[in-house]
Amino acid sequence: MNMFKKTEVRFRIKLRLYVAGQTRQSLAAIANLKSICMGCANGQCHVEVIDLEKNPALARDNQILVVPTLIRTFPRPLQKVIGDLSKTEDVILRLKIPITR
């Protein structure tokens, strides 16, 4: 008998950010995304950062032509935003990220 319950975390939104190393644009995109996700409803935002310098094959496999690129992978349909994510309101509207104030 298993005494530990396995809890499943359900995220309202799943995001994947593709960057290329520690460039100024990559670091800005990461910082801007953190800022956006701080307002995400009840912390239901899961973010995965993928460094294409470490695994360049993922760029081809996921059809990433420009970095930084942010993709909302859940819920469907996929949505992409390219750039350093400095236009916060545009990112929120495009990806339909729920914001609590």
Protein backbone atom coordinates (compact mmCIF):
# COMPACT_ATOMS: atom_id res chain seq x y z
CA MET A 1 0.00 0.00 0.00
CA ASN A 2 1.39 3.39 -1.02
CA MET A 3 1.13 5.84 1.89
CA PHE A 4 2.12 8.84 -0.22
CA LYS A 5 -0.41 10.44 -2.48
CA LYS A 6 0.97 11.59 -5.76
CA THR A 7 -0.35 15.07 -6.34
CA GLU A 8 -0.70 16.28 -9.86
CA VAL A 9 -0.17 19.97 -10.47
CA ARG A 10 -2.49 21.31 -13.12
CA PHE A 11 -1.35 24.44 -14.82
CA ARG A 12 -3.77 26.82 -16.49
CA ILE A 13 -1.10 27.88 -18.97
CA LYS A 14 2.13 26.25 -20.14
CA LEU A 15 4.79 28.39 -21.80
CA ARG A 16 8.06 27.49 -23.48
CA LEU A 17 10.70 30.18 -24.01
CA TYR A 18 13.46 29.51 -26.53
CA VAL A 19 16.66 31.54 -26.02
CA ALA A 20 20.24 31.43 -27.30
CA GLY A 21 22.68 31.60 -24.41
CA GLN A 22 23.06 34.57 -22.08
CA THR A 23 22.60 37.35 -24.63
CA ARG A 24 21.10 40.69 -23.66
CA GLN A 25 17.87 39.83 -25.50
CA SER A 26 17.64 36.38 -23.93
CA LEU A 27 18.15 37.75 -20.42
CA ALA A 28 15.60 40.51 -21.07
CA ALA A 29 13.05 37.96 -22.31
CA ILE A 30 13.54 35.80 -19.22
CA ALA A 31 13.19 38.79 -16.88
CA ASN A 32 10.12 40.11 -18.71
CA LEU A 33 8.48 36.68 -18.68
CA LYS A 34 9.10 36.36 -14.93
CA SER A 35 7.44 39.73 -14.46
CA ILE A 36 4.44 38.68 -16.56
CA CYS A 37 4.06 35.36 -14.76
CA MET A 38 4.14 36.99 -11.32
CA GLY A 39 0.64 38.22 -12.16
CA CYS A 40 -0.55 34.87 -13.44
CA ALA A 41 -3.72 33.68 -11.73
CA ASN A 42 -2.89 31.65 -8.62
CA GLY A 43 0.56 30.68 -9.93
CA GLN A 44 -1.00 28.45 -12.56
CA CYS A 45 1.65 29.32 -15.13
CA HIS A 46 4.34 26.76 -15.94
CA VAL A 47 7.41 28.05 -17.79
CA GLU A 48 10.13 26.02 -19.47
CA VAL A 49 13.22 27.85 -20.74
CA ILE A 50 15.15 26.12 -23.51
CA ASP A 51 18.67 27.27 -24.41
CA LEU A 52 19.25 26.48 -28.07
CA GLU A 53 23.00 26.97 -27.69
CA LYS A 54 23.03 23.84 -25.54
CA ASN A 55 20.77 21.85 -27.87
CA PRO A 56 20.54 23.44 -31.34
CA ALA A 57 18.64 20.49 -32.81
CA LEU A 58 15.57 21.62 -30.87
CA ALA A 59 15.41 24.76 -33.02
CA ARG A 60 14.90 22.66 -36.13
CA ASP A 61 12.63 20.15 -34.44
CA ASN A 62 10.35 22.89 -33.06
CA GLN A 63 10.58 25.22 -36.08
CA ILE A 64 12.23 28.06 -34.15
CA LEU A 65 13.76 30.55 -36.59
CA VAL A 66 14.29 33.55 -34.31
CA VAL A 67 15.17 33.84 -30.62
CA PRO A 68 13.88 34.68 -28.16
CA THR A 69 10.59 32.98 -29.04
CA LEU A 70 7.84 32.33 -26.51
CA ILE A 71 5.25 29.65 -27.26
CA ARG A 72 2.06 28.96 -25.34
CA THR A 73 1.86 25.16 -25.54
CA PHE A 74 -1.28 24.78 -23.41
CA PRO A 75 -4.11 25.41 -23.88
CA ARG A 76 -4.24 24.84 -27.60
CA PRO A 77 -3.95 26.33 -30.19
CA LEU A 78 -0.25 27.12 -30.00
CA GLN A 79 0.54 30.84 -29.92
CA LYS A 80 3.97 32.40 -30.56
CA VAL A 81 5.50 35.72 -29.57
CA ILE A 82 8.93 36.70 -30.87
CA GLY A 83 11.27 39.17 -29.19
CA ASP A 84 12.34 40.23 -25.71
CA LEU A 85 8.72 40.36 -24.42
CA SER A 86 9.12 44.00 -23.38
CA LYS A 87 5.64 44.87 -24.68
CA THR A 88 4.02 43.19 -21.70
CA GLU A 89 0.42 44.00 -22.55
CA ASP A 90 0.83 42.64 -26.08
CA VAL A 91 2.28 39.38 -24.74
CA ILE A 92 -0.55 39.00 -22.20
CA LEU A 93 -3.23 39.66 -24.83
CA ARG A 94 -1.64 37.48 -27.51
CA LEU A 95 -1.16 34.49 -25.20
CA LYS A 96 -4.38 35.07 -23.24
CA ILE A 97 -2.57 34.96 -19.89
CA PRO A 98 -4.99 35.45 -16.98
CA ILE A 99 -3.82 38.30 -14.77
CA THR A 100 -4.84 38.92 -11.17
CA ARG A 101 -4.49 42.38 -9.75
